[in-house]
């Protein structure tokens, strides 16, 4: 996500419950659902071995496939590119294999508790991510309008930056009941969450993030809004989100999704890859030692889907890039939704017309990154004149915007993310090759650090990505515009299919852009679990009475429904 702040409100009671991505739109405890000894549910024995198409091998698709396999179904995963989706970890040619770059998701908040369940399940480790001014970050430089400020904590910055942080805290408290909602989420007080959020959705659905700031007395100063947009606090600036719905931003700050981030040691793509190969201890129907990999020919997913259509008996028929045609009782679509409009030939009858409208209106954010490998974390060297680090994590209004310094110890090769940008800032890089991008970035950083020769430390070629140019993505992640709440509700609630005509059932939408928290892996996991419940229910299964699933509790916690007329 592009938005960043520190904890806007300091909590006096340090013993209060930890925050999770529990809502506010759908306050369901996915972490409790996963941890319950009864499991996620069961299907009739007559359905054991039934094939279910999983379209997209990103985190959402792999989680859904893994859980359906445990129930005794046979997931058939289709993947156009590589397992992992936007959990994409790459190396550098000719360099130590331990040097990796996270081209997509690279930092995860502790509030992502369903995601953490799977991280723990496959035995991965995490460590603090070096965001600006974070405890794990030795130092941060904020460079605006040609003036640089070195800081190890927020208090080291000029007063205007603290004023901006305080303005944001006041803005949230006065305009969005921040403390009250944060407390309700911590306590999992569902009635209070729903009461607060219903009023805010009705009041703010048509409001942009920037308009929300402008309506606040705390942000009456354009200078404060400009600084907040360019720098923010925590992981970067907010301005690329300014045109988006303020509801998108509130979901992030309420659940502290932009705080205390951790990275996955060795790379995030290991998570879906390990789930692909994992042999669950408890599995129905299949023999011990079964994995998703073992259920697929040669251990590989099937190729890209080229056509989706409905056939007799309300079946879903899938044609892949090899020309193979298979028909399924149920399917889960986890790829980015625009694929249904462009890369895949689809019958209009797949979804109700209102859902097609919601898919077409999905708004994606662009995003670019460029990484280089270096011989060592030279940025920790001390400037003899000042005693400061010679280079720092950098936030700037120059082309690079955000520069992150990633090391694995003082004597080991390291990695610099020279630039991480979004939206218009990302589009500026689009025509340039990796090397051309690197040259512009080195020039910008050279103006901030004139005495540091970054180039002499580079030991390999840069690697880069522009997600808007990736053929199977066409953008980095969803971000609703004002007025899009109704569209998002249609997509998120699609797994509840009893209210749909029979000829519109059987295919389920999932993935982080179907979630309320797009751009966060937690949303991919949550919607995967919704789809798992949907498929189970569609095939005649049910959850254990002691562990009701998201569909069982839907009527109690359904997202706010705004009028259409």
Protein backbone atom coordinates (compact mmCIF):
# COMPACT_ATOMS: atom_id res chain seq x y z
CA UNK A 1 0.00 0.00 0.00
CA UNK A 2 1.21 3.53 -0.67
CA UNK A 3 -0.13 5.17 2.46
CA UNK A 4 1.97 5.56 5.56
CA UNK A 5 1.72 6.94 9.06
CA UNK A 6 3.01 6.03 12.48
CA UNK A 7 0.48 5.14 15.16
CA UNK A 8 -1.73 8.19 14.90
CA UNK A 9 -3.08 7.72 18.40
CA UNK A 10 -0.86 6.43 21.22
CA UNK A 11 -2.71 3.94 23.35
CA UNK A 12 -2.38 4.40 27.09
CA UNK A 13 -3.14 0.80 27.96
CA UNK A 14 -0.23 -1.31 26.74
CA UNK A 15 -2.07 -4.50 27.79
CA UNK A 16 -4.97 -4.07 25.37
CA UNK A 17 -5.64 -6.80 22.78
CA UNK A 18 -3.52 -6.75 19.61
CA UNK A 19 -5.03 -5.28 16.48
CA UNK A 20 -5.93 -7.51 13.52
CA UNK A 21 -7.46 -6.97 10.08
CA UNK A 22 -10.81 -7.87 11.65
CA UNK A 23 -12.90 -5.41 9.69
CA UNK A 24 -14.45 -2.91 9.64
CA UNK A 25 -16.48 -4.00 6.62
CA UNK A 26 -16.72 -7.69 7.54
CA UNK A 27 -15.65 -8.27 11.16
CA UNK A 28 -15.05 -12.02 10.93
CA UNK A 29 -12.26 -13.75 12.88
CA UNK A 30 -10.41 -15.58 10.10
CA UNK A 31 -7.51 -16.29 12.44
CA UNK A 32 -9.81 -18.12 14.89
CA UNK A 33 -11.45 -19.98 11.99
CA UNK A 34 -8.05 -21.28 10.85
CA UNK A 35 -6.80 -22.20 14.31
CA UNK A 36 -9.89 -24.17 15.38
CA UNK A 37 -9.24 -27.92 15.83
CA UNK A 38 -12.49 -28.80 14.02
CA UNK A 39 -11.04 -27.52 10.74
CA UNK A 40 -12.72 -25.45 8.05
CA UNK A 41 -15.51 -27.90 7.24
CA UNK A 42 -16.29 -31.10 5.38
CA UNK A 43 -17.97 -32.25 2.20
CA UNK A 44 -20.11 -35.36 1.60
CA UNK A 45 -18.10 -38.52 0.89
CA UNK A 46 -19.82 -38.74 -2.50
CA UNK A 47 -18.03 -35.49 -3.48
CA UNK A 48 -14.56 -36.69 -2.50
CA UNK A 49 -12.12 -36.47 -5.40
CA UNK A 50 -14.27 -33.92 -7.26
CA UNK A 51 -12.14 -31.60 -9.36
CA UNK A 52 -12.35 -27.87 -8.68
CA UNK A 53 -10.69 -25.37 -11.03
CA UNK A 54 -8.46 -22.79 -9.35
CA UNK A 55 -7.63 -20.05 -11.83
CA UNK A 56 -4.52 -18.21 -10.70
CA UNK A 57 -1.60 -19.57 -8.70
CA UNK A 58 -0.96 -16.57 -6.51
CA UNK A 59 -1.32 -16.68 -2.74
CA UNK A 60 -5.12 -16.66 -2.82
CA UNK A 61 -5.29 -19.49 -5.35
CA UNK A 62 -2.74 -21.65 -3.57
CA UNK A 63 -4.38 -21.15 -0.14
CA UNK A 64 -7.80 -22.04 -1.59
CA UNK A 65 -6.37 -25.08 -3.36
CA UNK A 66 -4.55 -26.25 -0.24
CA UNK A 67 -7.63 -26.04 1.97
CA UNK A 68 -9.92 -27.71 -0.60
CA UNK A 69 -7.39 -30.54 -0.97
CA UNK A 70 -7.52 -31.09 2.80
CA UNK A 71 -11.31 -31.49 2.53
CA UNK A 72 -10.89 -34.27 -0.04
CA UNK A 73 -11.45 -32.31 -3.24
CA UNK A 74 -9.01 -32.25 -6.16
CA UNK A 75 -7.90 -28.70 -6.98
CA UNK A 76 -6.74 -28.17 -10.56
CA UNK A 77 -4.61 -25.03 -10.54
CA UNK A 78 -4.17 -22.95 -13.70
CA UNK A 79 -1.31 -20.44 -13.75
CA UNK A 80 -0.25 -18.27 -16.69
CA UNK A 81 3.14 -17.23 -15.35
CA UNK A 82 4.57 -18.55 -12.08
CA UNK A 83 3.30 -19.68 -8.70
CA UNK A 84 3.20 -16.72 -6.35
CA UNK A 85 1.42 -13.95 -8.23
CA UNK A 86 2.50 -10.68 -6.66
CA UNK A 87 4.51 -12.57 -4.09
CA UNK A 88 7.39 -12.49 -6.56
CA UNK A 89 10.95 -12.92 -5.35
CA UNK A 90 13.79 -12.75 -7.89
CA UNK A 91 17.57 -13.06 -7.74
CA UNK A 92 20.38 -11.25 -9.51
CA UNK A 93 22.25 -13.01 -12.32
CA UNK A 94 25.76 -14.01 -11.29
CA UNK A 95 25.30 -12.95 -7.65
CA UNK A 96 25.01 -14.85 -4.39
CA UNK A 97 21.64 -16.69 -4.42
CA UNK A 98 20.88 -15.26 -0.99
CA UNK A 99 20.56 -11.82 -2.59
CA UNK A 100 16.92 -11.37 -3.54
CA UNK A 101 14.53 -8.62 -4.55
CA UNK A 102 10.84 -8.48 -3.69
CA UNK A 103 9.18 -7.25 -6.86
CA UNK A 104 5.72 -7.33 -5.31
CA UNK A 105 4.72 -7.73 -1.67
CA UNK A 106 7.70 -7.15 0.60
CA UNK A 107 6.38 -6.02 4.00
CA UNK A 108 3.60 -7.41 6.12
CA UNK A 109 1.95 -5.99 9.27
CA UNK A 110 1.43 -8.07 12.41
CA UNK A 111 -2.29 -7.37 12.03
CA UNK A 112 -2.27 -9.82 9.08
CA UNK A 113 -3.06 -12.71 11.39
CA UNK A 114 -4.57 -15.09 8.81
CA UNK A 115 -1.50 -14.58 6.63
CA UNK A 116 0.73 -15.20 9.65
CA UNK A 117 -1.03 -18.53 10.21
CA UNK A 118 0.30 -19.78 6.88
CA UNK A 119 3.73 -18.20 7.38
CA UNK A 120 4.03 -20.18 10.61
CA UNK A 121 2.52 -23.30 9.05
CA UNK A 122 5.28 -23.59 6.44
CA UNK A 123 8.06 -22.63 8.87
CA UNK A 124 9.10 -19.27 7.48
CA UNK A 125 10.82 -16.59 9.54
CA UNK A 126 10.18 -12.87 9.48
CA UNK A 127 12.23 -9.86 10.52
CA UNK A 128 11.54 -6.17 10.97
CA UNK A 129 11.36 -4.26 7.69
CA UNK A 130 13.39 -1.02 7.47
CA UNK A 131 10.64 1.50 6.80
CA UNK A 132 11.40 5.20 7.31
CA UNK A 133 11.84 6.09 10.98
CA UNK A 134 11.13 2.49 12.02
CA UNK A 135 13.06 0.94 14.90
CA UNK A 136 14.82 -1.40 12.47
CA UNK A 137 15.99 1.53 10.33
CA UNK A 138 19.32 3.07 11.45
CA UNK A 139 18.50 6.45 9.92
CA UNK A 140 16.16 8.23 7.52
CA UNK A 141 16.73 11.22 5.25
CA UNK A 142 13.79 13.34 4.19
CA UNK A 143 14.68 15.42 1.12
CA UNK A 144 12.13 17.98 -0.07
CA UNK A 145 12.62 20.92 -2.43
CA UNK A 146 16.38 20.41 -2.35
CA UNK A 147 16.65 20.49 1.45
CA UNK A 148 17.62 17.32 3.31
CA UNK A 149 17.00 16.41 6.95
CA UNK A 150 18.70 13.48 8.71
CA UNK A 151 16.69 11.69 11.40
CA UNK A 152 16.80 8.59 13.56
CA UNK A 153 13.40 9.37 15.14
CA UNK A 154 10.54 11.70 14.27
CA UNK A 155 11.77 14.12 16.94
CA UNK A 156 14.96 14.68 14.91
CA UNK A 157 12.99 16.28 12.07
CA UNK A 158 12.02 19.97 12.01
CA UNK A 159 8.89 20.97 13.90
CA UNK A 160 6.76 21.20 10.75
CA UNK A 161 6.98 17.42 10.29
CA UNK A 162 5.74 16.82 13.82
CA UNK A 163 2.99 19.35 13.13
CA UNK A 164 1.94 17.34 10.09
CA UNK A 165 1.89 14.10 12.10
CA UNK A 166 -0.27 15.76 14.75
CA UNK A 167 -2.57 17.19 12.08
CA UNK A 168 -3.15 13.71 10.67
CA UNK A 169 -3.94 12.34 14.14
CA UNK A 170 -6.46 15.13 14.74
CA UNK A 171 -7.95 14.67 11.28
CA UNK A 172 -8.54 10.97 11.92
CA UNK A 173 -9.97 11.50 15.37
CA UNK A 174 -12.35 14.30 14.41
CA UNK A 175 -13.43 12.98 11.02
CA UNK A 176 -13.35 9.21 11.45
CA UNK A 177 -13.76 8.27 15.14
CA UNK A 178 -10.28 6.76 15.08
CA UNK A 179 -9.81 5.87 18.76
CA UNK A 180 -13.32 4.47 19.11
CA UNK A 181 -13.01 2.27 16.03
CA UNK A 182 -9.48 1.15 16.85
CA UNK A 183 -10.64 0.12 20.32
CA UNK A 184 -13.69 -1.72 18.97
CA UNK A 185 -11.52 -3.62 16.49
CA UNK A 186 -9.07 -4.61 19.21
CA UNK A 187 -11.89 -5.88 21.40
CA UNK A 188 -13.67 -7.46 18.41
CA UNK A 189 -16.80 -5.61 19.45
CA UNK A 190 -18.85 -6.38 16.34
CA UNK A 191 -21.96 -4.29 17.16
CA UNK A 192 -19.85 -1.22 17.88
CA UNK A 193 -17.71 -1.72 14.76
CA UNK A 194 -20.81 -1.96 12.61
CA UNK A 195 -22.43 1.05 14.25
CA UNK A 196 -19.42 3.31 13.66
CA UNK A 197 -18.70 2.06 10.16
CA UNK A 198 -22.28 2.25 8.88
CA UNK A 199 -22.35 5.98 9.61
CA UNK A 200 -18.94 6.57 8.05
CA UNK A 201 -19.65 4.60 4.88
CA UNK A 202 -22.83 6.57 4.27
CA UNK A 203 -21.06 9.85 5.05
CA UNK A 204 -17.74 9.31 3.27
CA UNK A 205 -18.27 6.96 0.32
CA UNK A 206 -18.23 9.89 -2.11
CA UNK A 207 -15.23 11.61 -0.51
CA UNK A 208 -11.66 11.52 -1.82
CA UNK A 209 -8.73 11.18 0.53
CA UNK A 210 -7.59 14.69 -0.39
CA UNK A 211 -11.07 16.11 0.15
CA UNK A 212 -11.13 14.50 3.60
CA UNK A 213 -7.89 16.32 4.46
CA UNK A 214 -9.16 19.62 3.09
CA UNK A 215 -12.33 19.37 5.17
CA UNK A 216 -10.25 19.13 8.33
CA UNK A 217 -9.31 22.29 10.20
CA UNK A 218 -6.08 20.52 11.17
CA UNK A 219 -5.01 20.46 7.49
CA UNK A 220 -6.08 23.95 6.49
CA UNK A 221 -2.44 24.67 5.54
CA UNK A 222 -1.57 23.67 1.98
CA UNK A 223 2.05 23.34 3.07
CA UNK A 224 1.05 20.69 5.58
CA UNK A 225 -1.00 18.79 2.99
CA UNK A 226 1.90 18.99 0.54
CA UNK A 227 4.42 17.62 3.03
CA UNK A 228 2.02 14.90 4.11
CA UNK A 229 1.46 13.91 0.50
CA UNK A 230 5.12 13.84 -0.43
CA UNK A 231 6.55 12.20 2.66
CA UNK A 232 3.88 10.87 5.00
CA UNK A 233 5.22 8.88 7.92
CA UNK A 234 6.00 5.17 8.10
CA UNK A 235 6.50 3.72 4.60
CA UNK A 236 6.29 6.69 2.22
CA UNK A 237 4.10 9.48 0.90
CA UNK A 238 0.34 9.54 0.65
CA UNK A 239 -0.21 11.72 -2.41
CA UNK A 240 -0.60 8.89 -4.92
CA UNK A 241 -3.66 7.87 -2.89
CA UNK A 242 -5.16 11.37 -2.78
CA UNK A 243 -7.73 10.70 -5.57
CA UNK A 244 -8.90 7.44 -3.95
CA UNK A 245 -11.80 6.95 -1.58
CA UNK A 246 -11.03 7.92 2.01
CA UNK A 247 -12.68 4.63 3.05
CA UNK A 248 -9.71 2.78 1.53
CA UNK A 249 -7.34 4.75 3.76
CA UNK A 250 -9.41 4.33 6.91
CA UNK A 251 -9.35 0.55 6.53
CA UNK A 252 -5.56 0.72 6.60
CA UNK A 253 -5.10 3.04 9.55
CA UNK A 254 -7.83 1.52 11.74
CA UNK A 255 -6.14 -1.90 11.57
CA UNK A 256 -2.57 -0.53 11.71
CA UNK A 257 -1.87 -2.26 8.42
CA UNK A 258 0.89 0.25 7.71
CA UNK A 259 2.71 -0.19 11.02
CA UNK A 260 5.44 -2.45 12.43
CA UNK A 261 6.05 -4.20 9.11
CA UNK A 262 8.03 -7.40 8.79
CA UNK A 263 9.64 -9.01 5.77
CA UNK A 264 9.88 -12.74 5.08
CA UNK A 265 13.46 -14.00 5.38
CA UNK A 266 14.52 -15.43 2.02
CA UNK A 267 11.62 -13.89 0.13
CA UNK A 268 7.82 -13.86 0.22
CA UNK A 269 7.40 -16.19 -2.78
CA UNK A 270 8.53 -19.05 -0.56
CA UNK A 271 5.09 -18.99 1.10
CA UNK A 272 2.99 -20.11 -1.89
CA UNK A 273 5.81 -22.38 -3.11
CA UNK A 274 6.00 -24.17 0.24
CA UNK A 275 2.23 -24.51 0.42
CA UNK A 276 2.30 -26.00 -3.08
CA UNK A 277 4.68 -28.72 -1.87
CA UNK A 278 3.35 -29.17 1.67
CA UNK A 279 1.92 -32.54 2.69
CA UNK A 280 -0.73 -31.78 5.35
CA UNK A 281 -0.86 -34.02 8.39
CA UNK A 282 -4.65 -34.15 8.33
CA UNK A 283 -6.22 -34.73 4.94
CA UNK A 284 -9.48 -36.37 3.94
CA UNK A 285 -9.77 -38.92 1.11
CA UNK A 286 -6.21 -38.53 -0.15
CA UNK A 287 -3.38 -40.81 1.08
CA UNK A 288 -0.81 -39.48 3.52
CA UNK A 289 1.92 -37.64 1.63
CA UNK A 290 -0.45 -35.95 -0.84
CA UNK A 291 0.39 -32.37 -1.82
CA UNK A 292 -0.89 -29.93 -4.41
CA UNK A 293 2.27 -30.66 -6.37
CA UNK A 294 1.61 -34.41 -6.34
CA UNK A 295 -1.95 -33.90 -7.61
CA UNK A 296 -0.68 -32.15 -10.74
CA UNK A 297 1.02 -33.78 -13.74
CA UNK A 298 4.80 -33.33 -13.48
CA UNK A 299 4.19 -31.28 -10.34
CA UNK A 300 3.28 -28.19 -12.37
CA UNK A 301 0.04 -26.20 -12.61
CA UNK A 302 -1.88 -26.24 -15.84
CA UNK A 303 -1.20 -23.34 -18.27
CA UNK A 304 -3.04 -20.06 -18.73
CA UNK A 305 -6.82 -20.08 -19.07
CA UNK A 306 -7.96 -18.71 -22.41
CA UNK A 307 -11.71 -19.25 -22.19
CA UNK A 308 -14.38 -19.58 -19.48
CA UNK A 309 -17.95 -20.53 -20.32
CA UNK A 310 -21.03 -22.12 -18.80
CA UNK A 311 -22.26 -25.45 -20.08
CA UNK A 312 -25.21 -27.73 -19.36
CA UNK A 313 -26.00 -28.40 -15.73
CA UNK A 314 -24.57 -25.06 -14.60
CA UNK A 315 -21.05 -26.37 -15.05
CA UNK A 316 -17.98 -24.16 -15.58
CA UNK A 317 -15.94 -25.12 -18.64
CA UNK A 318 -12.30 -24.07 -18.80
CA UNK A 319 -10.11 -23.97 -21.92
CA UNK A 320 -6.37 -23.55 -21.39
CA UNK A 321 -3.51 -22.36 -23.57
CA UNK A 322 -2.77 -25.93 -24.67
CA UNK A 323 -6.29 -26.24 -26.02
CA UNK A 324 -7.34 -28.65 -23.28
CA UNK A 325 -11.01 -28.32 -22.28
CA UNK A 326 -12.26 -29.43 -18.87
CA UNK A 327 -15.60 -28.98 -17.15
CA UNK A 328 -16.06 -28.46 -13.42
CA UNK A 329 -18.89 -28.28 -10.91
CA UNK A 330 -17.07 -25.39 -9.23
CA UNK A 331 -14.26 -22.96 -9.95
CA UNK A 332 -12.46 -20.19 -8.08
CA UNK A 333 -11.10 -17.23 -10.02
CA UNK A 334 -8.22 -15.56 -8.15
CA UNK A 335 -6.37 -13.70 -10.92
CA UNK A 336 -6.74 -9.94 -11.27
CA UNK A 337 -10.28 -9.26 -12.35
CA UNK A 338 -9.37 -7.32 -15.50
CA UNK A 339 -8.16 -10.62 -16.95
CA UNK A 340 -11.83 -11.49 -17.35
CA UNK A 341 -12.18 -8.48 -19.66
CA UNK A 342 -9.11 -8.97 -21.82
CA UNK A 343 -6.97 -12.10 -21.67
CA UNK A 344 -9.78 -14.61 -21.14
CA UNK A 345 -12.76 -15.06 -23.46
CA UNK A 346 -15.77 -15.18 -21.14
CA UNK A 347 -19.47 -15.83 -21.45
CA UNK A 348 -21.58 -12.94 -20.17
CA UNK A 349 -23.54 -15.59 -18.28
CA UNK A 350 -20.64 -16.26 -15.91
CA UNK A 351 -21.68 -13.44 -13.59
CA UNK A 352 -24.74 -11.24 -13.03
CA UNK A 353 -24.57 -7.97 -14.97
CA UNK A 354 -24.06 -5.95 -11.78
CA UNK A 355 -20.94 -7.99 -11.03
CA UNK A 356 -19.60 -7.41 -14.53
CA UNK A 357 -20.08 -3.68 -13.95
CA UNK A 358 -18.15 -3.91 -10.69
CA UNK A 359 -15.32 -5.79 -12.42
CA UNK A 360 -15.16 -3.21 -15.20
CA UNK A 361 -15.08 -0.31 -12.71
CA UNK A 362 -12.24 -1.77 -10.64
CA UNK A 363 -9.52 0.86 -10.32
CA UNK A 364 -5.92 -0.38 -10.18
CA UNK A 365 -2.86 1.48 -8.93
CA UNK A 366 0.34 1.40 -10.97
CA UNK A 367 3.60 0.54 -9.20
CA UNK A 368 7.30 0.30 -10.07
CA UNK A 369 10.42 -0.91 -8.29
CA UNK A 370 14.09 -1.17 -9.15
CA UNK A 371 16.71 -3.06 -7.11
CA UNK A 372 20.50 -3.33 -7.37
CA UNK A 373 22.87 -5.71 -5.54
CA UNK A 374 25.81 -4.14 -3.70
CA UNK A 375 28.98 -5.52 -2.16
CA UNK A 376 28.10 -4.63 1.44
CA UNK A 377 25.85 -2.31 3.49
CA UNK A 378 28.17 0.64 2.96
CA UNK A 379 25.45 3.03 4.10
CA UNK A 380 26.33 2.14 7.68
CA UNK A 381 29.77 3.74 7.26
CA UNK A 382 30.06 6.94 9.29
CA UNK A 383 30.70 10.35 7.81
CA UNK A 384 33.87 11.61 9.49
CA UNK A 385 32.64 15.19 9.62
CA UNK A 386 29.15 14.56 11.01
CA UNK A 387 29.31 11.10 12.60
CA UNK A 388 26.12 10.20 10.73
CA UNK A 389 25.44 7.27 8.42
CA UNK A 390 26.79 8.13 4.98
CA UNK A 391 23.44 7.12 3.40
CA UNK A 392 19.99 6.50 4.82
CA UNK A 393 16.57 5.20 3.96
CA UNK A 394 15.39 8.11 1.80
CA UNK A 395 12.06 9.81 1.20
CA UNK A 396 12.15 12.54 -1.42
CA UNK A 397 10.11 14.51 -3.93
CA UNK A 398 12.67 13.60 -6.59
CA UNK A 399 11.99 10.86 -9.13
CA UNK A 400 13.10 8.04 -6.79
CA UNK A 401 10.50 8.91 -4.11
CA UNK A 402 11.39 6.01 -1.76
CA UNK A 403 14.80 4.29 -1.43
CA UNK A 404 15.13 1.29 0.90
CA UNK A 405 18.36 -0.24 2.23
CA UNK A 406 18.23 -4.00 2.83
CA UNK A 407 21.09 -5.94 4.42
CA UNK A 408 21.78 -9.32 5.98
CA UNK A 409 24.71 -8.37 8.16
CA UNK A 410 27.71 -6.03 7.96
CA UNK A 411 30.03 -8.38 6.06
CA UNK A 412 27.56 -9.74 3.51
CA UNK A 413 26.38 -8.48 0.12
CA UNK A 414 23.24 -6.36 0.34
CA UNK A 415 20.45 -4.91 -1.79
CA UNK A 416 19.18 -1.40 -2.42
CA UNK A 417 15.67 -0.72 -3.61
CA UNK A 418 16.66 2.44 -5.46
CA UNK A 419 13.08 3.44 -6.11
CA UNK A 420 9.59 2.33 -5.14
CA UNK A 421 6.84 4.46 -6.71
CA UNK A 422 3.13 4.42 -7.53
CA UNK A 423 0.64 5.86 -10.04
CA UNK A 424 1.95 8.86 -12.02
CA UNK A 425 5.39 8.44 -10.45
CA UNK A 426 5.41 4.85 -11.69
CA UNK A 427 4.28 5.82 -15.20
CA UNK A 428 7.28 8.16 -15.51
CA UNK A 429 9.55 5.10 -15.45
CA UNK A 430 7.51 2.99 -17.86
CA UNK A 431 9.35 3.81 -21.13
CA UNK A 432 12.82 3.31 -19.60
CA UNK A 433 14.85 0.10 -19.47
CA UNK A 434 16.24 -1.17 -16.17
CA UNK A 435 19.63 0.41 -16.84
CA UNK A 436 18.11 3.70 -17.94
CA UNK A 437 16.03 3.78 -14.80
CA UNK A 438 19.09 3.07 -12.67
CA UNK A 439 21.03 5.95 -14.23
CA UNK A 440 18.26 8.46 -13.48
CA UNK A 441 17.96 7.13 -9.93
CA UNK A 442 21.70 7.30 -9.26
CA UNK A 443 21.71 10.90 -10.51
CA UNK A 444 18.86 11.85 -8.15
CA UNK A 445 20.47 10.14 -5.17
CA UNK A 446 23.81 11.70 -6.07
CA UNK A 447 22.23 15.12 -5.54
CA UNK A 448 21.12 14.08 -2.06
CA UNK A 449 24.39 12.29 -1.19
CA UNK A 450 27.09 14.12 -3.21
CA UNK A 451 29.94 12.45 -1.32
CA UNK A 452 28.70 8.86 -1.71
CA UNK A 453 29.70 6.81 -4.77
CA UNK A 454 26.86 4.30 -4.88
CA UNK A 455 27.91 3.03 -8.30
CA UNK A 456 31.24 1.65 -7.13
CA UNK A 457 29.44 -0.72 -4.76
CA UNK A 458 27.05 -2.20 -7.37
CA UNK A 459 28.00 -5.81 -8.17
CA UNK A 460 25.30 -6.87 -10.63
CA UNK A 461 22.64 -5.73 -13.08
CA UNK A 462 19.48 -4.04 -11.81
CA UNK A 463 16.14 -5.82 -11.76
CA UNK A 464 12.90 -3.90 -12.21
CA UNK A 465 9.15 -4.27 -12.55
CA UNK A 466 6.29 -2.03 -13.67
CA UNK A 467 3.16 -3.92 -12.66
CA UNK A 468 0.96 -1.95 -15.05
CA UNK A 469 3.03 -3.42 -17.89
CA UNK A 470 2.82 -7.02 -16.67
CA UNK A 471 0.47 -8.83 -19.11
CA UNK A 472 -1.26 -10.93 -16.44
CA UNK A 473 -1.69 -8.08 -13.96
CA UNK A 474 -2.08 -4.69 -15.71
CA UNK A 475 -1.65 -2.96 -12.36
CA UNK A 476 -0.34 -3.46 -8.85
CA UNK A 477 -3.48 -3.57 -6.73
CA UNK A 478 -7.03 -2.33 -6.52
CA UNK A 479 -7.85 1.03 -4.93
CA UNK A 480 -11.47 2.14 -4.89
CA UNK A 481 -12.37 5.59 -6.13
CA UNK A 482 -15.14 7.62 -4.48
CA UNK A 483 -18.52 6.01 -5.08
CA UNK A 484 -17.06 2.53 -5.57
CA UNK A 485 -18.18 1.04 -2.26
CA UNK A 486 -21.22 -0.64 -3.82
CA UNK A 487 -19.03 -2.25 -6.49
CA UNK A 488 -16.62 -3.60 -3.91
CA UNK A 489 -19.44 -5.00 -1.84
CA UNK A 490 -20.77 -6.94 -4.84
CA UNK A 491 -17.36 -8.47 -5.48
CA UNK A 492 -16.58 -9.31 -1.85
CA UNK A 493 -19.99 -10.88 -1.17
CA UNK A 494 -19.99 -12.94 -4.37
CA UNK A 495 -19.14 -16.08 -2.38
CA UNK A 496 -22.66 -15.94 -0.88
CA UNK A 497 -24.39 -17.49 -3.88
CA UNK A 498 -27.74 -18.70 -2.54
CA UNK A 499 -29.10 -15.26 -3.35
CA UNK A 500 -27.94 -15.60 -6.99
CA UNK A 501 -29.94 -17.34 -9.76
CA UNK A 502 -28.91 -20.98 -10.14
CA UNK A 503 -27.40 -20.29 -13.55
CA UNK A 504 -25.02 -17.73 -12.01
CA UNK A 505 -23.57 -20.01 -9.33
CA UNK A 506 -20.50 -22.22 -9.16
CA UNK A 507 -17.70 -19.79 -9.99
CA UNK A 508 -16.29 -17.83 -7.04
CA UNK A 509 -14.21 -14.65 -7.03
CA UNK A 510 -11.20 -14.36 -4.71
CA UNK A 511 -7.90 -12.52 -4.50
CA UNK A 512 -6.79 -9.37 -2.77
CA UNK A 513 -8.61 -7.09 -5.22
CA UNK A 514 -11.87 -8.79 -4.22
CA UNK A 515 -11.08 -8.02 -0.58
CA UNK A 516 -11.63 -4.79 1.31
CA UNK A 517 -7.87 -4.48 1.83
CA UNK A 518 -6.34 -4.74 -1.63
CA UNK A 519 -2.57 -4.41 -1.71
CA UNK A 520 -2.28 -6.56 1.42
CA UNK A 521 -1.68 -10.30 1.32
CA UNK A 522 -4.13 -10.69 4.19
CA UNK A 523 -6.94 -9.78 1.80
CA UNK A 524 -5.84 -12.55 -0.57
CA UNK A 525 -5.99 -15.09 2.27
CA UNK A 526 -9.35 -13.91 3.61
CA UNK A 527 -11.11 -14.03 0.24
CA UNK A 528 -9.55 -17.44 -0.45
CA UNK A 529 -11.17 -18.71 2.76
CA UNK A 530 -14.49 -17.15 1.72
CA UNK A 531 -14.28 -18.99 -1.59
CA UNK A 532 -13.37 -22.26 0.15
CA UNK A 533 -16.53 -21.90 2.25
CA UNK A 534 -18.49 -21.11 -0.92
CA UNK A 535 -17.25 -24.19 -2.81
CA UNK A 536 -17.83 -26.42 0.23
CA UNK A 537 -21.39 -25.12 0.57
CA UNK A 538 -22.00 -25.41 -3.20
CA UNK A 539 -21.01 -29.08 -3.11
CA UNK A 540 -23.26 -29.88 -0.16
CA UNK A 541 -20.72 -29.54 2.64
CA UNK A 542 -20.87 -27.73 5.94
CA UNK A 543 -18.74 -26.40 8.76
CA UNK A 544 -18.57 -27.85 12.26
CA UNK A 545 -21.11 -26.21 14.58
CA UNK A 546 -18.28 -25.15 16.90
CA UNK A 547 -16.42 -23.33 14.10
CA UNK A 548 -18.86 -21.40 11.89
CA UNK A 549 -17.38 -20.09 8.66
CA UNK A 550 -17.71 -16.64 7.08
CA UNK A 551 -20.84 -17.66 5.19
CA UNK A 552 -22.51 -19.13 8.27
CA UNK A 553 -22.21 -15.79 10.10
CA UNK A 554 -22.78 -13.62 7.06
CA UNK A 555 -26.19 -12.23 7.99
CA UNK A 556 -24.85 -11.08 11.38
CA UNK A 557 -21.81 -9.27 10.00
CA UNK A 558 -22.67 -8.51 6.36
CA UNK A 559 -21.07 -5.36 4.93
CA UNK A 560 -23.11 -2.17 5.03
CA UNK A 561 -25.52 -2.02 2.10
CA UNK A 562 -26.01 1.41 0.57
CA UNK A 563 -29.16 2.18 -1.44
CA UNK A 564 -28.92 1.95 -5.22
CA UNK A 565 -31.60 4.58 -5.90
